[in-house]
Amino acid sequence: MDVSGAILLVDREDEQGRLARPAILPNGYLALGSHYGDTLLLLDMGLTPPDDTSDLVIRVGERRFHCHRLILSTRCDYFKQRLAAGGGFADARAAELELPDADADAFALLLRWLYTGGAAIPPALALAVAELADRLLLPELCLAAQGRLMSGVQPSTIATALLWADARAPASVRLRVELKAWYVAHYTEVRRVAPEGIMRIMMASPALALELMDATHEAARQQHK
């Protein structure tokens, strides 16, 4: 059974014998190997490995994540600073640390990326992952999440994405340019489906709202030439 409650029955046998020897990898995959050969089947089950080697717990909201200091410090500049003995953090050697104001699902995905070097980012989590990756000094993951955010943008999400990118310029200047172009191209649909998003931009960032209005008017003028 995976984390969503779905039941998967694995009943496979080849010339090397029936698959057995189950093991949960750090990335949440279920690994099955053959008895007599070198066959290895990997299934992305989103599982949590039973790990008694962890030496750190990260608490995000109500969830607790068992981690390894060495891996976090090696792969993430934020944790390299946070966990350093002489880094200026009083709780650097604490057995449990809290990561406030973070999305637990985004952190779970971020951990998978730290441990394995890759992770599929669902569109619904793209903004939360980008924000957390930016906060934890992971530019490569942040860039990947921004790309996923751009590929899945909708009229209902464009305002939130634009405000996020605008607040982090110039670091997110490329995403901001792409989101602005998308907004201009889909303005009619955005105004019809999500007018509250336009109002939110006007209230949160009048300068951005004016920039978008000018770009929209210019695009309309070019079309009627």
C-alpha atoms as a PDB file:
ATOM      1  CA  MET A   1       0.000   0.000   0.000  1.00  0.00           C
ATOM      2  CA  ASP A   2       1.398   3.412  -0.941  1.00  0.00           C
ATOM      3  CA  VAL A   3       0.942   6.724   0.901  1.00  0.00           C
ATOM      4  CA  SER A   4      -2.304   7.432  -0.959  1.00  0.00           C
ATOM      5  CA  GLY A   5      -3.855   4.141   0.221  1.00  0.00           C
ATOM      6  CA  ALA A   6      -3.630   2.414  -3.164  1.00  0.00           C
ATOM      7  CA  ILE A   7      -2.794  -1.286  -3.029  1.00  0.00           C
ATOM      8  CA  LEU A   8      -0.215  -2.655  -5.462  1.00  0.00           C
ATOM      9  CA  LEU A   9       0.267  -6.414  -5.858  1.00  0.00           C
ATOM     10  CA  VAL A  10       3.695  -7.419  -7.166  1.00  0.00           C
ATOM     11  CA  ASP A  11       3.767 -11.019  -8.403  1.00  0.00           C
ATOM     12  CA  ARG A  12       6.584 -11.393 -10.889  1.00  0.00           C
ATOM     13  CA  GLU A  13       8.912 -14.272 -11.627  1.00  0.00           C
ATOM     14  CA  ASP A  14      11.498 -14.760 -14.362  1.00  0.00           C
ATOM     15  CA  GLU A  15      14.389 -17.122 -15.045  1.00  0.00           C
ATOM     16  CA  GLN A  16      16.229 -15.595 -12.100  1.00  0.00           C
ATOM     17  CA  GLY A  17      13.502 -16.427  -9.616  1.00  0.00           C
ATOM     18  CA  ARG A  18      10.672 -14.636  -7.890  1.00  0.00           C
ATOM     19  CA  LEU A  19      11.247 -11.033  -6.845  1.00  0.00           C
ATOM     20  CA  ALA A  20      11.710 -10.694  -3.114  1.00  0.00           C
ATOM     21  CA  ARG A  21      14.071  -9.038  -0.623  1.00  0.00           C
ATOM     22  CA  PRO A  22      12.006  -5.841  -0.265  1.00  0.00           C
ATOM     23  CA  ALA A  23      13.758  -2.703   0.923  1.00  0.00           C
ATOM     24  CA  ILE A  24      12.606   0.903   1.250  1.00  0.00           C
ATOM     25  CA  LEU A  25      15.202   3.299  -0.161  1.00  0.00           C
ATOM     26  CA  PRO A  26      15.829   6.812   1.254  1.00  0.00           C
ATOM     27  CA  ASN A  27      13.922   8.308  -1.693  1.00  0.00           C
ATOM     28  CA  GLY A  28      10.750   6.397  -0.770  1.00  0.00           C
ATOM     29  CA  TYR A  29      11.079   3.793  -3.537  1.00  0.00           C
ATOM     30  CA  LEU A  30      10.325   0.135  -2.860  1.00  0.00           C
ATOM     31  CA  ALA A  31      13.179  -2.049  -4.156  1.00  0.00           C
ATOM     32  CA  LEU A  32      12.661  -5.724  -5.000  1.00  0.00           C
ATOM     33  CA  GLY A  33      15.493  -8.040  -6.043  1.00  0.00           C
ATOM     34  CA  SER A  34      15.526 -11.561  -7.497  1.00  0.00           C
ATOM     35  CA  HIS A  35      16.710 -14.520  -5.454  1.00  0.00           C
ATOM     36  CA  TYR A  36      19.334 -15.804  -7.849  1.00  0.00           C
ATOM     37  CA  GLY A  37      20.126 -13.045 -10.327  1.00  0.00           C
ATOM     38  CA  ASP A  38      20.742  -9.346 -10.622  1.00  0.00           C
ATOM     39  CA  THR A  39      17.191  -8.217 -11.440  1.00  0.00           C
ATOM     40  CA  LEU A  40      16.152  -5.084  -9.521  1.00  0.00           C
ATOM     41  CA  LEU A  41      12.664  -3.585  -9.655  1.00  0.00           C
ATOM     42  CA  LEU A  42      12.143  -0.046  -8.316  1.00  0.00           C
ATOM     43  CA  LEU A  43       8.637   1.206  -7.533  1.00  0.00           C
ATOM     44  CA  ASP A  44       7.906   4.833  -6.640  1.00  0.00           C
ATOM     45  CA  MET A  45       5.625   4.290  -3.651  1.00  0.00           C
ATOM     46  CA  GLY A  46       6.340   7.479  -1.692  1.00  0.00           C
ATOM     47  CA  LEU A  47       7.141   5.397   1.376  1.00  0.00           C
ATOM     48  CA  THR A  48       9.043   6.457   4.475  1.00  0.00           C
ATOM     49  CA  PRO A  49      12.013   4.210   5.245  1.00  0.00           C
ATOM     50  CA  PRO A  50      12.315   2.777   8.750  1.00  0.00           C
ATOM     51  CA  ASP A  51      15.620   4.446   9.568  1.00  0.00           C
ATOM     52  CA  ASP A  52      17.393   4.082  12.880  1.00  0.00           C
ATOM     53  CA  THR A  53      20.558   5.719  11.515  1.00  0.00           C
ATOM     54  CA  SER A  54      19.115   9.239  11.401  1.00  0.00           C
ATOM     55  CA  ASP A  55      20.644  11.726  13.813  1.00  0.00           C
ATOM     56  CA  LEU A  56      18.325  14.685  13.293  1.00  0.00           C
ATOM     57  CA  VAL A  57      14.606  15.358  13.220  1.00  0.00           C
ATOM     58  CA  ILE A  58      13.213  18.308  11.276  1.00  0.00           C
ATOM     59  CA  ARG A  59       9.745  19.353  12.447  1.00  0.00           C
ATOM     60  CA  VAL A  60       7.558  21.021   9.838  1.00  0.00           C
ATOM     61  CA  GLY A  61       4.119  21.802  11.189  1.00  0.00           C
ATOM     62  CA  GLU A  62       2.730  18.582  12.641  1.00  0.00           C
ATOM     63  CA  ARG A  63       5.088  16.328  10.682  1.00  0.00           C
ATOM     64  CA  ARG A  64       8.501  15.089  11.775  1.00  0.00           C
ATOM     65  CA  PHE A  65      11.180  14.118   9.254  1.00  0.00           C
ATOM     66  CA  HIS A  66      14.078  11.855  10.250  1.00  0.00           C
ATOM     67  CA  CYS A  67      17.227  13.043   8.479  1.00  0.00           C
ATOM     68  CA  HIS A  68      21.006  12.785   8.431  1.00  0.00           C
ATOM     69  CA  ARG A  69      23.110  15.796   9.356  1.00  0.00           C
ATOM     70  CA  LEU A  70      25.919  14.853   6.992  1.00  0.00           C
ATOM     71  CA  ILE A  71      23.630  14.642   3.952  1.00  0.00           C
ATOM     72  CA  LEU A  72      21.794  17.884   4.747  1.00  0.00           C
ATOM     73  CA  SER A  73      25.021  19.775   5.433  1.00  0.00           C
ATOM     74  CA  THR A  74      26.697  18.449   2.294  1.00  0.00           C
ATOM     75  CA  ARG A  75      23.808  19.058  -0.100  1.00  0.00           C
ATOM     76  CA  CYS A  76      22.248  22.248   1.264  1.00  0.00           C
ATOM     77  CA  ASP A  77      24.015  25.534   2.107  1.00  0.00           C
ATOM     78  CA  TYR A  78      21.249  26.538   4.513  1.00  0.00           C
ATOM     79  CA  PHE A  79      21.695  23.415   6.617  1.00  0.00           C
ATOM     80  CA  LYS A  80      25.472  23.660   6.272  1.00  0.00           C
ATOM     81  CA  GLN A  81      25.238  26.983   8.090  1.00  0.00           C
ATOM     82  CA  ARG A  82      22.400  25.991  10.417  1.00  0.00           C
ATOM     83  CA  LEU A  83      24.066  22.802  11.648  1.00  0.00           C
ATOM     84  CA  ALA A  84      27.650  24.087  11.899  1.00  0.00           C
ATOM     85  CA  ALA A  85      28.990  23.888  15.448  1.00  0.00           C
ATOM     86  CA  GLY A  86      30.397  27.406  15.246  1.00  0.00           C
ATOM     87  CA  GLY A  87      27.799  28.800  12.903  1.00  0.00           C
ATOM     88  CA  GLY A  88      26.101  31.056  15.409  1.00  0.00           C
ATOM     89  CA  PHE A  89      22.915  29.006  15.884  1.00  0.00           C
ATOM     90  CA  ALA A  90      22.319  28.048  19.504  1.00  0.00           C
ATOM     91  CA  ASP A  91      20.372  24.922  18.535  1.00  0.00           C
ATOM     92  CA  ALA A  92      22.925  23.686  15.962  1.00  0.00           C
ATOM     93  CA  ARG A  93      23.515  20.458  17.897  1.00  0.00           C
ATOM     94  CA  ALA A  94      19.905  19.909  18.930  1.00  0.00           C
ATOM     95  CA  ALA A  95      18.386  16.538  18.106  1.00  0.00           C
ATOM     96  CA  GLU A  96      15.258  18.188  16.736  1.00  0.00           C
ATOM     97  CA  LEU A  97      14.903  21.426  14.797  1.00  0.00           C
ATOM     98  CA  GLU A  98      11.816  23.289  13.685  1.00  0.00           C
ATOM     99  CA  LEU A  99      11.378  24.759  10.209  1.00  0.00           C
ATOM    100  CA  PRO A 100       8.584  27.307  10.711  1.00  0.00           C
ATOM    101  CA  ASP A 101       6.305  28.703   8.024  1.00  0.00           C
ATOM    102  CA  ALA A 102       7.087  25.871   5.599  1.00  0.00           C
ATOM    103  CA  ASP A 103       4.871  23.495   3.641  1.00  0.00           C
ATOM    104  CA  ALA A 104       5.373  19.919   4.874  1.00  0.00           C
ATOM    105  CA  ASP A 105       4.666  18.335   1.479  1.00  0.00           C
ATOM    106  CA  ALA A 106       7.120  20.724  -0.168  1.00  0.00           C
ATOM    107  CA  PHE A 107       9.757  19.832   2.434  1.00  0.00           C
ATOM    108  CA  ALA A 108       9.186  16.117   1.850  1.00  0.00           C
ATOM    109  CA  LEU A 109       9.845  16.644  -1.853  1.00  0.00           C
ATOM    110  CA  LEU A 110      12.867  18.810  -1.079  1.00  0.00           C
ATOM    111  CA  LEU A 111      14.282  16.038   1.106  1.00  0.00           C
ATOM    112  CA  ARG A 112      13.831  13.534  -1.699  1.00  0.00           C
ATOM    113  CA  TRP A 113      15.767  15.874  -3.995  1.00  0.00           C
ATOM    114  CA  LEU A 114      18.555  16.256  -1.425  1.00  0.00           C
ATOM    115  CA  TYR A 115      18.886  12.511  -0.940  1.00  0.00           C
ATOM    116  CA  THR A 116      18.548  11.389  -4.560  1.00  0.00           C
ATOM    117  CA  GLY A 117      19.383  14.395  -6.737  1.00  0.00           C
ATOM    118  CA  GLY A 118      15.969  14.478  -8.371  1.00  0.00           C
ATOM    119  CA  ALA A 119      12.248  14.670  -7.677  1.00  0.00           C
ATOM    120  CA  ALA A 120       9.089  15.041  -9.755  1.00  0.00           C
ATOM    121  CA  ILE A 121       7.398  18.317  -8.806  1.00  0.00           C
ATOM    122  CA  PRO A 122       3.567  18.264  -9.023  1.00  0.00           C
ATOM    123  CA  PRO A 123       2.121  21.499 -10.435  1.00  0.00           C
ATOM    124  CA  ALA A 124       0.124  22.073  -7.249  1.00  0.00           C
ATOM    125  CA  LEU A 125       3.358  22.061  -5.193  1.00  0.00           C
ATOM    126  CA  ALA A 126       5.544  24.025  -7.610  1.00  0.00           C
ATOM    127  CA  LEU A 127       5.178  27.413  -5.922  1.00  0.00           C
ATOM    128  CA  ALA A 128       5.647  26.018  -2.407  1.00  0.00           C
ATOM    129  CA  VAL A 129       8.739  24.085  -3.524  1.00  0.00           C
ATOM    130  CA  ALA A 130      10.183  27.129  -5.314  1.00  0.00           C
ATOM    131  CA  GLU A 131       9.624  29.294  -2.238  1.00  0.00           C
ATOM    132  CA  LEU A 132      11.150  26.765   0.157  1.00  0.00           C
ATOM    133  CA  ALA A 133      14.090  26.021  -2.147  1.00  0.00           C
ATOM    134  CA  ASP A 134      14.790  29.746  -2.424  1.00  0.00           C
ATOM    135  CA  ARG A 135      14.648  30.075   1.353  1.00  0.00           C
ATOM    136  CA  LEU A 136      16.952  27.084   1.932  1.00  0.00           C
ATOM    137  CA  LEU A 137      19.519  28.266  -0.645  1.00  0.00           C
ATOM    138  CA  LEU A 138      18.894  25.567  -3.250  1.00  0.00           C
ATOM    139  CA  PRO A 139      19.004  27.502  -6.550  1.00  0.00           C
ATOM    140  CA  GLU A 140      18.958  24.430  -8.798  1.00  0.00           C
ATOM    141  CA  LEU A 141      15.790  23.049  -7.226  1.00  0.00           C
ATOM    142  CA  CYS A 142      14.252  26.526  -7.128  1.00  0.00           C
ATOM    143  CA  LEU A 143      14.863  26.910 -10.864  1.00  0.00           C
ATOM    144  CA  ALA A 144      13.336  23.494 -11.576  1.00  0.00           C
ATOM    145  CA  ALA A 145      10.272  24.376  -9.486  1.00  0.00           C
ATOM    146  CA  GLN A 146       9.929  27.706 -11.285  1.00  0.00           C
ATOM    147  CA  GLY A 147       9.949  25.883 -14.605  1.00  0.00           C
ATOM    148  CA  ARG A 148       7.241  23.516 -13.349  1.00  0.00           C
ATOM    149  CA  LEU A 149       5.268  26.501 -12.076  1.00  0.00           C
ATOM    150  CA  MET A 150       5.459  28.179 -15.471  1.00  0.00           C
ATOM    151  CA  SER A 151       4.404  25.044 -17.333  1.00  0.00           C
ATOM    152  CA  GLY A 152       1.309  24.632 -15.170  1.00  0.00           C
ATOM    153  CA  VAL A 153       0.177  28.245 -14.762  1.00  0.00           C
ATOM    154  CA  GLN A 154      -3.569  28.889 -15.025  1.00  0.00           C
ATOM    155  CA  PRO A 155      -5.790  32.000 -14.888  1.00  0.00           C
ATOM    156  CA  SER A 156      -6.578  31.133 -11.276  1.00  0.00           C
ATOM    157  CA  THR A 157      -2.901  30.911 -10.265  1.00  0.00           C
ATOM    158  CA  ILE A 158      -1.224  33.611 -12.368  1.00  0.00           C
ATOM    159  CA  ALA A 159      -1.687  36.387  -9.791  1.00  0.00           C
ATOM    160  CA  THR A 160      -0.061  34.417  -6.978  1.00  0.00           C
ATOM    161  CA  ALA A 161       2.803  33.354  -9.238  1.00  0.00           C
ATOM    162  CA  LEU A 162       3.383  36.892 -10.538  1.00  0.00           C
ATOM    163  CA  LEU A 163       3.412  38.431  -7.066  1.00  0.00           C
ATOM    164  CA  TRP A 164       5.837  35.775  -5.845  1.00  0.00           C
ATOM    165  CA  ALA A 165       8.212  36.293  -8.784  1.00  0.00           C
ATOM    166  CA  ASP A 166       7.944  40.073  -8.546  1.00  0.00           C
ATOM    167  CA  ALA A 167       8.864  40.041  -4.845  1.00  0.00           C
ATOM    168  CA  ARG A 168      11.999  38.003  -5.574  1.00  0.00           C
ATOM    169  CA  ALA A 169      13.343  39.930  -8.539  1.00  0.00           C
ATOM    170  CA  PRO A 170      16.030  40.037  -9.812  1.00  0.00           C
ATOM    171  CA  ALA A 171      16.644  36.427  -8.707  1.00  0.00           C
ATOM    172  CA  SER A 172      13.447  35.322 -10.480  1.00  0.00           C
ATOM    173  CA  VAL A 173      13.627  37.808 -13.357  1.00  0.00           C
ATOM    174  CA  ARG A 174      13.315  35.144 -16.060  1.00  0.00           C
ATOM    175  CA  LEU A 175      10.204  33.639 -14.481  1.00  0.00           C
ATOM    176  CA  ARG A 176       8.747  37.114 -14.017  1.00  0.00           C
ATOM    177  CA  VAL A 177       9.223  37.914 -17.720  1.00  0.00           C
ATOM    178  CA  GLU A 178       7.614  34.623 -18.769  1.00  0.00           C
ATOM    179  CA  LEU A 179       4.676  35.027 -16.370  1.00  0.00           C
ATOM    180  CA  LYS A 180       4.127  38.601 -17.539  1.00  0.00           C
ATOM    181  CA  ALA A 181       4.039  37.451 -21.169  1.00  0.00           C
ATOM    182  CA  TRP A 182       1.560  34.696 -20.249  1.00  0.00           C
ATOM    183  CA  TYR A 183      -0.647  37.180 -18.403  1.00  0.00           C
ATOM    184  CA  VAL A 184      -0.718  39.562 -21.378  1.00  0.00           C
ATOM    185  CA  ALA A 185      -1.487  36.760 -23.828  1.00  0.00           C
ATOM    186  CA  HIS A 186      -4.291  35.388 -21.642  1.00  0.00           C
ATOM    187  CA  TYR A 187      -5.587  38.636 -20.150  1.00  0.00           C
ATOM    188  CA  THR A 188      -9.152  38.234 -21.433  1.00  0.00           C
ATOM    189  CA  GLU A 189      -9.417  34.781 -19.884  1.00  0.00           C
ATOM    190  CA  VAL A 190      -7.806  35.903 -16.619  1.00  0.00           C
ATOM    191  CA  ARG A 191     -10.253  38.799 -16.313  1.00  0.00           C
ATOM    192  CA  ARG A 192     -13.210  36.496 -17.012  1.00  0.00           C
ATOM    193  CA  VAL A 193     -12.178  33.581 -14.791  1.00  0.00           C
ATOM    194  CA  ALA A 194     -10.201  35.206 -11.984  1.00  0.00           C
ATOM    195  CA  PRO A 195     -10.842  38.968 -11.717  1.00  0.00           C
ATOM    196  CA  GLU A 196     -10.050  38.777  -8.000  1.00  0.00           C
ATOM    197  CA  GLY A 197      -6.474  37.941  -8.948  1.00  0.00           C
ATOM    198  CA  ILE A 198      -6.164  41.178 -10.908  1.00  0.00           C
ATOM    199  CA  MET A 199      -7.524  43.109  -7.938  1.00  0.00           C
ATOM    200  CA  ARG A 200      -5.053  41.374  -5.635  1.00  0.00           C
ATOM    201  CA  ILE A 201      -2.149  42.447  -7.838  1.00  0.00           C
ATOM    202  CA  MET A 202      -3.453  46.024  -7.848  1.00  0.00           C
ATOM    203  CA  MET A 203      -3.606  46.075  -4.053  1.00  0.00           C
ATOM    204  CA  ALA A 204      -0.359  44.216  -3.342  1.00  0.00           C
ATOM    205  CA  SER A 205       1.842  45.795  -6.004  1.00  0.00           C
ATOM    206  CA  PRO A 206       0.484  48.874  -7.793  1.00  0.00           C
ATOM    207  CA  ALA A 207       3.734  49.188  -9.774  1.00  0.00           C
ATOM    208  CA  LEU A 208       3.351  45.643 -11.120  1.00  0.00           C
ATOM    209  CA  ALA A 209      -0.328  46.251 -11.893  1.00  0.00           C
ATOM    210  CA  LEU A 210       0.557  49.371 -13.885  1.00  0.00           C
ATOM    211  CA  GLU A 211       3.287  47.496 -15.754  1.00  0.00           C
ATOM    212  CA  LEU A 212       0.852  44.718 -16.653  1.00  0.00           C
ATOM    213  CA  MET A 213      -1.816  47.216 -17.743  1.00  0.00           C
ATOM    214  CA  ASP A 214       0.637  49.034 -20.019  1.00  0.00           C
ATOM    215  CA  ALA A 215       1.840  45.760 -21.535  1.00  0.00           C
ATOM    216  CA  THR A 216      -1.737  44.595 -22.116  1.00  0.00           C
ATOM    217  CA  HIS A 217      -2.700  47.864 -23.791  1.00  0.00           C
ATOM    218  CA  GLU A 218       0.415  47.755 -25.973  1.00  0.00           C
ATOM    219  CA  ALA A 219      -0.356  44.183 -27.037  1.00  0.00           C
ATOM    220  CA  ALA A 220      -3.920  45.185 -27.943  1.00  0.00           C
ATOM    221  CA  ARG A 221      -2.648  48.178 -29.910  1.00  0.00           C
ATOM    222  CA  GLN A 222      -0.236  45.998 -31.868  1.00  0.00           C
ATOM    223  CA  GLN A 223      -3.045  43.588 -32.743  1.00  0.00           C
ATOM    224  CA  HIS A 224      -5.200  46.377 -34.196  1.00  0.00           C
ATOM    225  CA  LYS A 225      -2.504  47.899 -36.388  1.00  0.00           C
END
